[in-house]
Amino acid sequence: MKNLRPFFVFLGALALAYLVWDYGLTQLLKDLQTAGWWSVLLVLTFIPTLVCYALAWSLLTEWENPFSPKNLWRMIRMMGASIAWNNLTPFLKVGGEPAKVFMLGAYIGRRKALMSTLIYNLVHLLATLFSFISVAFILPLFYPINQVGRWLCLGIGSLGLLIFLAIVFFPILWRKVLSHKLYAFFVKMNLEKSVIRFRWVTRKTSQFFIRHRERVVIAFFLEVFARFVEGLTFYLAFILLKNPISFLTSCFLEVGRSLADTIFFFVPYQVGSREQGVGFLLKDVFHHGSHGFLTAVFMYRFVEIAWVLIGYLLWVKSRSTPLSKADK
């Protein structure tokens, strides 16, 4: 896969160059002039999403008081830093997860930090899937989608629902069916230690979900809300471009953007694929017209880059945090 990375970089850059040429560089510059310096304030639109993520992660951590101001600020700071590292490792976006363990481990120990990060990522995955499923089923009710589009929405929603249920019920299936069979197989492959570790992870995860059901449910809905409220960036960007879209459309557009980024995860920074996806959604799904879409996506990327810089500064601050007794 690493050998294919230059090819995907080139392909994405080529697609982006075509989009700029097709859209018109003059029009792009005119759009930026229309938006003006107020575009800089779009950086603030990510704050509600960041706070939701941090709240959810705090609820899924073994704090005595997950809502204490001190703990919340720690989680906001660490979440911002981990998002920056994810965006700095765009091919698979995995750099932020070790960073979470490293930073949180300074407060609660590496073992608990690892479990917290795993549980958070599981809830984050389920919430993202739920947002895909809900939008796929709701879109045909609000927008005049053709028959092919309706079948596509049905297919995406159904596939997402199957994956969602498979993840939710996997611990039960693992304990009752898969554990012993796979353990016997991996023993033959001299990989029994991996299965033992996986058993430990599934057991600890199940125990946390049972002990803290209310926390998990609240964290899940915070993550779902975060996925939709991130559409605030698109909403304000199109207002600045004098081509406003409804907030509902901006929320659906954000979820669609996230789905496109997931599908084209192998394209670094989703260069070209994101722009094409947003243009397609605006024109062919929401029937709003694609005027200003390229500039809006560039504004969205500006917000991401700004938060990479902010997150890096937060990372530097987190690295200076002294270790707790659990880590010494």
Protein backbone atom coordinates (compact mmCIF):
# COMPACT_ATOMS: atom_id res chain seq x y z
CA MET A 1 0.00 0.00 0.00
CA LYS A 2 2.85 2.38 0.79
CA ASN A 3 4.20 1.87 -2.74
CA LEU A 4 0.86 3.06 -4.13
CA ARG A 5 0.86 6.26 -2.10
CA PRO A 6 2.73 8.39 -4.72
CA PHE A 7 0.22 7.20 -7.35
CA PHE A 8 -2.76 8.27 -5.22
CA VAL A 9 -1.06 11.60 -4.40
CA PHE A 10 -0.58 12.24 -8.12
CA LEU A 11 -4.12 11.10 -8.96
CA GLY A 12 -5.64 13.33 -6.28
CA ALA A 13 -3.57 16.35 -7.31
CA LEU A 14 -4.57 15.78 -10.94
CA ALA A 15 -8.25 15.61 -9.99
CA LEU A 16 -7.94 18.80 -7.93
CA ALA A 17 -6.16 20.60 -10.78
CA TYR A 18 -8.97 19.60 -13.14
CA LEU A 19 -11.61 20.83 -10.69
CA VAL A 20 -9.87 24.21 -10.34
CA TRP A 21 -9.57 24.48 -14.13
CA ASP A 22 -13.21 23.48 -14.64
CA TYR A 23 -14.46 25.79 -11.89
CA GLY A 24 -12.26 28.66 -13.04
CA LEU A 25 -9.37 30.21 -11.16
CA THR A 26 -10.85 33.66 -11.72
CA GLN A 27 -14.12 32.57 -10.14
CA LEU A 28 -12.26 31.01 -7.23
CA LEU A 29 -10.39 34.25 -6.54
CA LYS A 30 -13.63 36.20 -6.86
CA ASP A 31 -15.27 33.89 -4.30
CA LEU A 32 -12.42 34.42 -1.85
CA GLN A 33 -12.71 38.17 -2.34
CA THR A 34 -16.46 37.96 -1.68
CA ALA A 35 -15.92 36.01 1.56
CA GLY A 36 -13.29 38.51 2.76
CA TRP A 37 -11.29 38.40 5.97
CA TRP A 38 -14.32 37.07 7.88
CA SER A 39 -13.26 33.66 6.55
CA VAL A 40 -10.59 33.56 9.25
CA LEU A 41 -13.32 33.33 11.90
CA LEU A 42 -14.44 30.00 10.41
CA VAL A 43 -11.71 28.48 12.59
CA LEU A 44 -14.07 28.97 15.55
CA THR A 45 -16.76 26.76 13.97
CA PHE A 46 -14.84 23.62 14.94
CA ILE A 47 -14.99 24.42 18.67
CA PRO A 48 -18.50 22.89 19.27
CA THR A 49 -17.37 19.66 17.57
CA LEU A 50 -14.14 19.55 19.57
CA VAL A 51 -16.01 20.07 22.85
CA CYS A 52 -18.47 17.28 22.01
CA TYR A 53 -15.60 14.91 21.21
CA ALA A 54 -13.81 15.82 24.43
CA LEU A 55 -16.98 15.41 26.53
CA ALA A 56 -17.61 11.99 25.01
CA TRP A 57 -14.01 10.88 25.63
CA SER A 58 -14.15 12.14 29.21
CA LEU A 59 -17.32 10.11 29.84
CA LEU A 60 -15.56 7.01 28.50
CA THR A 61 -12.59 7.46 30.82
CA GLU A 62 -12.26 6.23 34.40
CA TRP A 63 -12.42 9.70 35.93
CA GLU A 64 -14.13 10.08 39.28
CA ASN A 65 -15.79 13.22 37.92
CA PRO A 66 -15.72 13.36 34.08
CA PHE A 67 -17.44 16.78 34.06
CA SER A 68 -15.01 18.57 36.35
CA PRO A 69 -13.59 21.72 34.67
CA LYS A 70 -10.02 20.47 35.14
CA ASN A 71 -10.70 17.10 33.50
CA LEU A 72 -12.72 18.65 30.68
CA TRP A 73 -9.95 21.10 29.84
CA ARG A 74 -7.46 18.24 29.84
CA MET A 75 -9.65 16.27 27.44
CA ILE A 76 -10.22 19.26 25.13
CA ARG A 77 -6.50 19.90 25.01
CA MET A 78 -5.62 16.25 24.38
CA MET A 79 -8.41 15.77 21.83
CA GLY A 80 -7.24 18.82 19.89
CA ALA A 81 -3.69 17.46 19.86
CA SER A 82 -4.77 13.97 18.78
CA ILE A 83 -6.89 15.37 15.91
CA ALA A 84 -3.85 17.32 14.75
CA TRP A 85 -1.78 14.12 14.71
CA ASN A 86 -4.52 12.29 12.81
CA ASN A 87 -4.48 15.01 10.16
CA LEU A 88 -0.69 14.89 10.04
CA THR A 89 -0.88 11.15 9.22
CA PRO A 90 -3.51 11.38 6.46
CA PHE A 91 -3.04 7.99 4.80
CA LEU A 92 -4.80 6.05 7.57
CA LYS A 93 -5.25 8.80 10.18
CA VAL A 94 -3.79 6.74 13.02
CA GLY A 95 -1.21 9.08 14.53
CA GLY A 96 -3.66 10.59 16.99
CA GLU A 97 -4.57 7.35 18.75
CA PRO A 98 -1.11 6.56 20.20
CA ALA A 99 -0.95 10.26 21.11
CA LYS A 100 -4.20 9.87 23.10
CA VAL A 101 -2.73 6.96 25.06
CA PHE A 102 0.53 8.81 25.67
CA MET A 103 -1.15 11.99 26.92
CA LEU A 104 -3.96 10.41 28.96
CA GLY A 105 -1.54 7.87 30.44
CA ALA A 106 0.15 10.72 32.30
CA TYR A 107 -3.01 11.08 34.40
CA ILE A 108 -4.51 7.60 34.79
CA GLY A 109 -1.76 5.19 33.71
CA ARG A 110 -1.09 3.64 30.31
CA ARG A 111 -3.32 0.58 30.75
CA LYS A 112 -6.44 2.58 31.60
CA ALA A 113 -5.54 5.14 28.93
CA LEU A 114 -5.32 2.38 26.34
CA MET A 115 -8.75 1.04 27.32
CA SER A 116 -10.25 4.52 27.30
CA THR A 117 -8.88 5.17 23.81
CA LEU A 118 -10.15 1.83 22.48
CA ILE A 119 -13.61 2.35 23.97
CA TYR A 120 -13.77 5.92 22.68
CA ASN A 121 -12.83 4.83 19.16
CA LEU A 122 -15.48 2.10 19.27
CA VAL A 123 -18.18 4.58 20.30
CA HIS A 124 -16.88 7.10 17.74
CA LEU A 125 -17.12 4.43 15.03
CA LEU A 126 -20.66 3.47 16.04
CA ALA A 127 -21.76 7.12 16.10
CA THR A 128 -20.24 7.76 12.67
CA LEU A 129 -22.00 4.69 11.28
CA PHE A 130 -25.26 5.85 12.87
CA SER A 131 -24.91 9.25 11.18
CA PHE A 132 -24.37 7.55 7.80
CA ILE A 133 -27.37 5.28 8.35
CA SER A 134 -29.72 8.02 9.52
CA VAL A 135 -28.82 10.40 6.67
CA ALA A 136 -29.12 7.61 4.07
CA PHE A 137 -32.64 6.80 5.21
CA ILE A 138 -33.74 10.44 5.81
CA LEU A 139 -32.37 12.06 2.62
CA PRO A 140 -35.13 10.75 0.29
CA LEU A 141 -37.74 12.28 2.63
CA PHE A 142 -36.37 15.84 2.28
CA TYR A 143 -34.84 15.99 -1.19
CA PRO A 144 -36.12 15.03 -4.69
CA ILE A 145 -33.71 12.14 -5.22
CA ASN A 146 -34.18 10.01 -8.35
CA GLN A 147 -34.82 6.27 -8.26
CA VAL A 148 -31.14 5.32 -8.61
CA GLY A 149 -30.29 7.67 -5.74
CA ARG A 150 -33.02 6.16 -3.59
CA TRP A 151 -31.67 2.66 -4.15
CA LEU A 152 -28.16 3.91 -3.39
CA CYS A 153 -29.35 5.47 -0.12
CA LEU A 154 -31.14 2.26 0.76
CA GLY A 155 -28.00 0.23 0.02
CA ILE A 156 -25.71 2.50 2.07
CA GLY A 157 -28.18 2.61 4.96
CA SER A 158 -28.72 -1.15 4.99
CA LEU A 159 -25.00 -1.97 4.76
CA GLY A 160 -24.24 0.53 7.52
CA LEU A 161 -26.97 -0.94 9.69
CA LEU A 162 -25.58 -4.46 9.26
CA ILE A 163 -22.09 -3.31 10.23
CA PHE A 164 -23.51 -1.35 13.17
CA LEU A 165 -25.38 -4.39 14.53
CA ALA A 166 -22.40 -6.67 13.92
CA ILE A 167 -20.19 -4.39 16.06
CA VAL A 168 -22.82 -4.02 18.81
CA PHE A 169 -23.42 -7.76 19.14
CA PHE A 170 -19.84 -8.86 18.47
CA PRO A 171 -18.89 -9.21 22.18
CA ILE A 172 -21.76 -11.68 22.73
CA LEU A 173 -20.88 -13.62 19.58
CA TRP A 174 -17.20 -13.62 20.60
CA ARG A 175 -17.86 -14.98 24.08
CA LYS A 176 -20.34 -17.67 22.99
CA VAL A 177 -19.05 -18.82 19.61
CA LEU A 178 -15.84 -17.36 18.22
CA SER A 179 -13.54 -17.21 21.23
CA HIS A 180 -12.90 -20.93 21.69
CA LYS A 181 -12.78 -21.75 17.98
CA LEU A 182 -10.38 -18.96 17.12
CA TYR A 183 -8.29 -19.64 20.20
CA ALA A 184 -7.76 -23.24 19.07
CA PHE A 185 -6.86 -22.05 15.57
CA PHE A 186 -4.40 -19.41 16.80
CA VAL A 187 -2.76 -21.87 19.18
CA LYS A 188 -1.82 -23.91 16.12
CA MET A 189 -0.42 -20.74 14.56
CA ASN A 190 1.56 -19.89 17.74
CA LEU A 191 -0.46 -16.68 18.15
CA GLU A 192 -2.28 -17.55 21.35
CA LYS A 193 -0.91 -14.44 23.11
CA SER A 194 -2.75 -12.24 20.61
CA VAL A 195 -6.03 -13.99 21.37
CA ILE A 196 -5.43 -13.67 25.12
CA ARG A 197 -4.88 -9.94 24.70
CA PHE A 198 -8.01 -9.66 22.54
CA ARG A 199 -10.01 -11.58 25.16
CA TRP A 200 -8.82 -9.12 27.77
CA VAL A 201 -9.83 -6.16 25.63
CA THR A 202 -13.32 -7.51 24.86
CA ARG A 203 -13.87 -8.41 28.53
CA LYS A 204 -12.79 -4.99 29.79
CA THR A 205 -14.86 -3.24 27.12
CA SER A 206 -17.97 -5.25 27.98
CA GLN A 207 -17.47 -4.59 31.68
CA PHE A 208 -17.18 -0.84 31.08
CA PHE A 209 -20.33 -0.81 28.95
CA ILE A 210 -22.25 -2.68 31.66
CA ARG A 211 -20.98 -0.54 34.57
CA HIS A 212 -21.35 2.80 32.78
CA ARG A 213 -24.34 2.39 30.46
CA GLU A 214 -25.55 5.96 30.97
CA ARG A 215 -22.09 7.35 30.22
CA VAL A 216 -21.84 5.28 27.03
CA VAL A 217 -25.28 6.36 25.80
CA ILE A 218 -24.58 10.06 26.47
CA ALA A 219 -21.14 9.78 24.82
CA PHE A 220 -22.69 8.09 21.79
CA PHE A 221 -25.23 10.87 21.23
CA LEU A 222 -22.58 13.53 21.81
CA GLU A 223 -20.55 11.91 19.04
CA VAL A 224 -23.57 11.79 16.73
CA PHE A 225 -24.34 15.44 17.46
CA ALA A 226 -20.70 16.35 16.76
CA ARG A 227 -20.86 14.71 13.35
CA PHE A 228 -23.82 16.91 12.36
CA VAL A 229 -22.83 20.16 14.08
CA GLU A 230 -19.53 20.14 12.19
CA GLY A 231 -21.67 21.21 9.23
CA LEU A 232 -21.58 24.67 10.77
CA THR A 233 -18.37 25.30 8.83
CA PHE A 234 -20.09 24.72 5.49
CA TYR A 235 -23.16 26.67 6.62
CA LEU A 236 -21.20 29.84 7.44
CA ALA A 237 -18.83 29.40 4.47
CA PHE A 238 -21.72 29.50 2.00
CA ILE A 239 -23.20 32.51 3.79
CA LEU A 240 -19.89 34.33 3.33
CA LEU A 241 -19.94 33.33 -0.34
CA LYS A 242 -23.40 34.91 -0.72
CA ASN A 243 -24.87 31.54 -1.69
CA PRO A 244 -26.49 30.35 1.56
CA ILE A 245 -27.69 26.80 2.15
CA SER A 246 -29.98 25.66 4.94
CA PHE A 247 -28.42 24.40 8.16
CA LEU A 248 -30.06 21.00 7.59
CA THR A 249 -28.42 20.78 4.17
CA SER A 250 -25.06 21.79 5.65
CA CYS A 251 -25.37 19.04 8.29
CA PHE A 252 -26.21 16.43 5.65
CA LEU A 253 -23.39 17.79 3.47
CA GLU A 254 -20.92 17.30 6.33
CA VAL A 255 -22.03 13.69 6.84
CA GLY A 256 -21.77 13.11 3.08
CA ARG A 257 -18.30 14.67 3.09
CA SER A 258 -17.30 12.33 5.91
CA LEU A 259 -18.63 9.31 3.99
CA ALA A 260 -16.70 10.34 0.86
CA ASP A 261 -13.52 10.80 2.93
CA THR A 262 -14.05 7.32 4.41
CA ILE A 263 -14.53 5.71 1.00
CA PHE A 264 -11.45 7.45 -0.42
CA PHE A 265 -9.31 7.00 2.70
CA PHE A 266 -6.39 5.85 0.52
CA VAL A 267 -6.11 9.31 -1.10
CA PRO A 268 -3.85 11.44 1.15
CA TYR A 269 -5.82 14.37 2.57
CA GLN A 270 -8.65 13.26 0.20
CA VAL A 271 -7.25 15.75 -2.31
CA GLY A 272 -9.67 15.99 -5.21
CA SER A 273 -12.06 13.31 -3.93
CA ARG A 274 -13.49 15.58 -1.24
CA GLU A 275 -13.99 18.48 -3.64
CA GLN A 276 -15.65 16.23 -6.20
CA GLY A 277 -17.86 14.65 -3.54
CA VAL A 278 -19.09 17.98 -2.16
CA GLY A 279 -19.79 19.26 -5.69
CA PHE A 280 -21.75 16.11 -6.54
CA LEU A 281 -23.83 16.27 -3.35
CA LEU A 282 -24.72 19.95 -3.81
CA LYS A 283 -25.63 19.63 -7.47
CA ASP A 284 -27.11 16.13 -7.86
CA VAL A 285 -28.45 15.30 -4.40
CA PHE A 286 -29.44 18.59 -2.76
CA HIS A 287 -30.21 20.31 -6.11
CA HIS A 288 -28.76 23.54 -4.77
CA GLY A 289 -26.29 24.15 -7.57
CA SER A 290 -22.55 23.86 -7.19
CA HIS A 291 -21.70 27.58 -7.22
CA GLY A 292 -19.07 28.31 -4.59
CA PHE A 293 -18.54 24.66 -3.65
CA LEU A 294 -14.81 24.62 -4.43
CA THR A 295 -14.13 27.74 -2.40
CA ALA A 296 -16.22 26.37 0.47
CA VAL A 297 -14.16 23.17 0.50
CA PHE A 298 -10.94 25.22 0.48
CA MET A 299 -12.30 27.16 3.46
CA TYR A 300 -13.04 23.84 5.18
CA ARG A 301 -9.46 22.74 4.53
CA PHE A 302 -8.23 26.06 5.94
CA VAL A 303 -10.09 25.29 9.19
CA GLU A 304 -8.46 21.83 9.30
CA ILE A 305 -4.98 23.26 8.74
CA ALA A 306 -5.55 25.91 11.41
CA TRP A 307 -6.53 23.24 13.92
CA VAL A 308 -3.47 21.18 13.02
CA LEU A 309 -1.38 24.16 14.13
CA ILE A 310 -3.51 24.75 17.24
CA GLY A 311 -3.45 21.02 18.04
CA TYR A 312 0.32 20.87 17.70
CA LEU A 313 0.67 23.68 20.23
CA LEU A 314 -1.68 21.78 22.55
CA TRP A 315 0.47 18.68 22.04
CA VAL A 316 3.59 20.56 23.10
CA LYS A 317 1.75 21.66 26.23
CA SER A 318 0.56 18.10 26.95
CA ARG A 319 4.08 16.69 26.57
CA SER A 320 5.25 18.88 29.43
CA THR A 321 2.67 17.38 31.80
CA PRO A 322 4.31 15.42 34.67
CA LEU A 323 3.54 11.73 34.99
CA SER A 324 1.11 10.52 37.58
CA LYS A 325 2.00 7.94 40.23
CA ALA A 326 0.38 5.25 38.07
CA ASP A 327 2.98 5.82 35.35
CA LYS A 328 6.07 6.26 37.51
